[in-house]
Amino acid sequence: MSASKTDLSKYNNDWYQPGGSVLKKTCWYVLHAIFIHSAFPFSSFKVFLLRLFGASIGTSVTIKPNVTIKYPWHLTIGNHVWIGEQVWIDNLSRVTIKNNCCVSQGAMLLCGNHDYSKTSFDLIVKDITLEEGVWIGAKSIVCPGVSIGSHSVLTVNSVASKNLESCAIYQGNPAVKIKERVIKIDN
């Protein structure tokens, strides 16, 4: 078998259009740097800005400091969601985070990747969905095209490279199911 070499001079992602005018993207980058990807502490203003730029966001959403959100117009967040410090939502495609989810500090939701089997290293983009009650542990990664079933947990520093079932705890790289998640009802 002959090996081909990657040739980044052939890379071309002209087909990818993230949406938004040049002015809209420029305004987002500036405001994002000042208010979202900074120590700015006020979640309510961050939510206001995200909505202003096309994100669909529910009520009681907490967004901690130093979060990165690539394109708010590709973002849907439900009610009572927590986004921890230094979370990176690289939403080149649609990211949906449903009600009562927690994305812990340093986690990454990555909608983009590259086709390493092609010499031109083509861009690949796929949606990510976190169903209701999902907890993404600190410094964990959710890869393009992954859907995580309701009330599942991706433990600290784990990598979800395929869909995860509901009501389970996943750990490792790649993440594997280690046990069922039992949820106790509060009285």
Protein backbone atom coordinates (compact mmCIF):
# COMPACT_ATOMS: atom_id res chain seq x y z
CA MET A 1 0.00 0.00 0.00
CA SER A 2 1.42 3.40 -0.93
CA ALA A 3 1.09 6.16 1.59
CA SER A 4 -0.10 9.57 0.49
CA LYS A 5 1.06 12.63 2.31
CA THR A 6 -1.14 15.35 3.69
CA ASP A 7 -0.90 18.44 1.51
CA LEU A 8 -2.49 21.40 3.28
CA SER A 9 -1.94 23.58 0.20
CA LYS A 10 -4.91 21.64 -1.27
CA TYR A 11 -7.16 22.38 1.71
CA ASN A 12 -10.31 24.21 0.67
CA ASN A 13 -13.35 24.72 2.84
CA ASP A 14 -15.05 27.28 0.60
CA TRP A 15 -18.17 25.09 0.71
CA TYR A 16 -18.56 25.84 4.44
CA GLN A 17 -20.68 28.90 5.12
CA PRO A 18 -21.36 29.39 8.86
CA GLY A 19 -24.01 32.03 8.22
CA GLY A 20 -24.10 35.65 9.20
CA SER A 21 -22.74 38.62 7.33
CA VAL A 22 -19.15 39.78 7.71
CA LEU A 23 -20.44 42.65 9.86
CA LYS A 24 -22.44 40.29 12.10
CA LYS A 25 -19.48 37.93 12.56
CA THR A 26 -17.11 40.84 13.26
CA CYS A 27 -19.48 42.34 15.85
CA TRP A 28 -19.88 38.90 17.45
CA TYR A 29 -16.11 38.35 17.67
CA VAL A 30 -15.60 41.72 19.38
CA LEU A 31 -18.50 41.42 21.84
CA HIS A 32 -17.63 37.76 22.48
CA ALA A 33 -14.08 38.74 23.44
CA ILE A 34 -15.28 41.46 25.80
CA PHE A 35 -18.26 39.76 27.48
CA ILE A 36 -18.26 35.99 26.90
CA HIS A 37 -14.62 34.88 26.60
CA SER A 38 -13.52 37.08 29.51
CA ALA A 39 -13.86 37.40 33.28
CA PHE A 40 -17.16 39.27 32.81
CA PRO A 41 -19.38 37.67 35.50
CA PHE A 42 -22.99 38.47 34.56
CA SER A 43 -24.81 35.51 32.94
CA SER A 44 -27.96 37.48 32.20
CA PHE A 45 -26.08 39.91 29.94
CA LYS A 46 -24.27 37.02 28.22
CA VAL A 47 -27.64 35.37 27.54
CA PHE A 48 -28.96 38.68 26.19
CA LEU A 49 -26.00 38.97 23.78
CA LEU A 50 -26.31 35.36 22.63
CA ARG A 51 -30.01 35.85 21.90
CA LEU A 52 -29.25 39.12 20.09
CA PHE A 53 -26.96 37.13 17.77
CA GLY A 54 -29.50 34.37 17.10
CA ALA A 55 -29.08 31.80 19.88
CA SER A 56 -32.22 30.21 21.28
CA ILE A 57 -31.82 30.17 25.06
CA GLY A 58 -34.29 29.20 27.78
CA THR A 59 -34.64 30.53 31.30
CA SER A 60 -32.23 30.26 34.25
CA VAL A 61 -29.13 29.65 32.13
CA THR A 62 -25.78 30.22 33.85
CA ILE A 63 -22.73 30.96 31.72
CA LYS A 64 -19.52 31.26 33.71
CA PRO A 65 -16.48 33.37 32.70
CA ASN A 66 -14.07 32.55 29.86
CA VAL A 67 -16.48 30.54 27.71
CA THR A 68 -15.93 30.30 23.95
CA ILE A 69 -18.95 30.09 21.64
CA LYS A 70 -18.07 30.14 17.94
CA TYR A 71 -21.41 30.96 16.29
CA PRO A 72 -24.39 31.76 18.54
CA TRP A 73 -26.82 31.41 15.61
CA HIS A 74 -26.03 27.64 15.68
CA LEU A 75 -26.80 27.30 19.42
CA THR A 76 -29.93 26.13 21.25
CA ILE A 77 -29.92 25.94 25.06
CA GLY A 78 -32.89 24.83 27.17
CA ASN A 79 -33.94 25.86 30.68
CA HIS A 80 -31.83 25.55 33.82
CA VAL A 81 -28.52 24.87 32.06
CA TRP A 82 -25.07 25.50 33.52
CA ILE A 83 -22.07 26.25 31.31
CA GLY A 84 -18.82 26.16 33.34
CA GLU A 85 -15.65 28.21 33.11
CA GLN A 86 -13.49 27.74 30.04
CA VAL A 87 -16.05 25.63 28.17
CA TRP A 88 -15.48 25.70 24.42
CA ILE A 89 -18.55 25.30 22.21
CA ASP A 90 -16.98 25.04 18.77
CA ASN A 91 -20.33 25.02 17.00
CA LEU A 92 -19.47 25.05 13.34
CA SER A 93 -22.80 23.21 13.14
CA ARG A 94 -25.90 23.03 15.35
CA VAL A 95 -25.35 22.41 19.09
CA THR A 96 -28.46 21.63 21.12
CA ILE A 97 -28.26 21.51 24.91
CA LYS A 98 -31.61 20.55 26.38
CA ASN A 99 -33.07 21.34 29.84
CA ASN A 100 -31.19 20.72 33.08
CA CYS A 101 -27.79 19.98 31.55
CA CYS A 102 -24.43 20.80 33.10
CA VAL A 103 -21.35 21.32 30.94
CA SER A 104 -18.49 21.50 33.46
CA GLN A 105 -15.36 23.62 33.32
CA GLY A 106 -12.94 23.08 30.50
CA ALA A 107 -15.27 20.76 28.53
CA MET A 108 -15.29 20.98 24.75
CA LEU A 109 -18.20 20.44 22.35
CA LEU A 110 -16.53 20.10 18.95
CA CYS A 111 -18.71 20.09 15.82
CA GLY A 112 -15.76 20.14 13.44
CA ASN A 113 -13.01 17.75 12.48
CA HIS A 114 -10.89 16.90 9.44
CA ASP A 115 -10.85 13.91 7.13
CA TYR A 116 -7.35 12.58 7.74
CA SER A 117 -7.85 9.94 5.02
CA LYS A 118 -7.76 12.64 2.32
CA THR A 119 -4.57 14.40 1.37
CA SER A 120 -6.50 17.70 1.33
CA PHE A 121 -7.54 17.25 5.01
CA ASP A 122 -11.18 18.18 4.23
CA LEU A 123 -13.34 19.83 6.88
CA ILE A 124 -16.15 17.73 8.38
CA VAL A 125 -18.96 19.31 10.43
CA LYS A 126 -21.73 17.51 12.31
CA ASP A 127 -24.34 18.47 14.94
CA ILE A 128 -24.10 17.70 18.66
CA THR A 129 -27.10 17.08 20.95
CA LEU A 130 -27.13 16.82 24.72
CA GLU A 131 -30.51 15.44 25.78
CA GLU A 132 -32.22 16.48 29.03
CA GLY A 133 -30.30 16.10 32.28
CA VAL A 134 -26.89 15.32 30.74
CA TRP A 135 -23.75 16.11 32.72
CA ILE A 136 -20.52 16.63 30.80
CA GLY A 137 -17.63 16.35 33.27
CA ALA A 138 -14.73 18.77 33.51
CA LYS A 139 -12.24 18.67 30.61
CA SER A 140 -14.34 16.14 28.69
CA ILE A 141 -14.79 16.23 24.92
CA VAL A 142 -17.90 15.60 22.83
CA CYS A 143 -16.96 14.90 19.21
CA PRO A 144 -18.83 15.85 16.00
CA GLY A 145 -22.10 14.06 15.33
CA VAL A 146 -22.51 12.76 18.89
CA SER A 147 -25.83 12.65 20.71
CA ILE A 148 -25.79 11.98 24.44
CA GLY A 149 -28.93 10.34 25.83
CA SER A 150 -30.97 11.87 28.63
CA HIS A 151 -29.55 11.87 32.14
CA SER A 152 -26.22 10.35 31.12
CA VAL A 153 -22.88 11.39 32.58
CA LEU A 154 -19.61 11.76 30.70
CA THR A 155 -17.04 11.66 33.50
CA VAL A 156 -14.04 13.95 33.95
CA ASN A 157 -11.52 13.97 31.09
CA SER A 158 -13.47 11.50 28.93
CA VAL A 159 -14.08 11.56 25.17
CA ALA A 160 -17.49 10.81 23.61
CA SER A 161 -16.72 9.82 20.02
CA LYS A 162 -20.02 8.00 19.42
CA ASN A 163 -23.61 8.30 20.66
CA LEU A 164 -24.14 7.55 24.35
CA GLU A 165 -27.25 5.80 25.72
CA SER A 166 -29.62 7.39 28.22
CA CYS A 167 -29.24 6.97 32.00
CA ALA A 168 -25.67 5.68 31.97
CA ILE A 169 -22.25 6.76 33.18
CA TYR A 170 -19.44 6.83 30.61
CA GLN A 171 -15.72 7.10 31.25
CA GLY A 172 -12.44 7.03 29.33
CA ASN A 173 -11.08 7.68 25.85
CA PRO A 174 -13.04 6.56 23.99
CA ALA A 175 -15.79 6.71 26.58
CA VAL A 176 -17.30 3.37 27.53
CA LYS A 177 -20.33 2.68 29.68
CA ILE A 178 -19.22 1.79 33.20
CA LYS A 179 -22.66 1.51 34.83
CA GLU A 180 -26.29 2.58 34.77
CA ARG A 181 -27.15 5.93 36.32
CA VAL A 182 -29.70 5.68 39.10
CA ILE A 183 -31.46 8.94 39.91
CA LYS A 184 -32.96 9.31 43.35
CA ILE A 185 -36.17 11.31 43.66
CA ASP A 186 -35.95 14.12 46.20
CA ASN A 187 -38.77 14.31 48.75
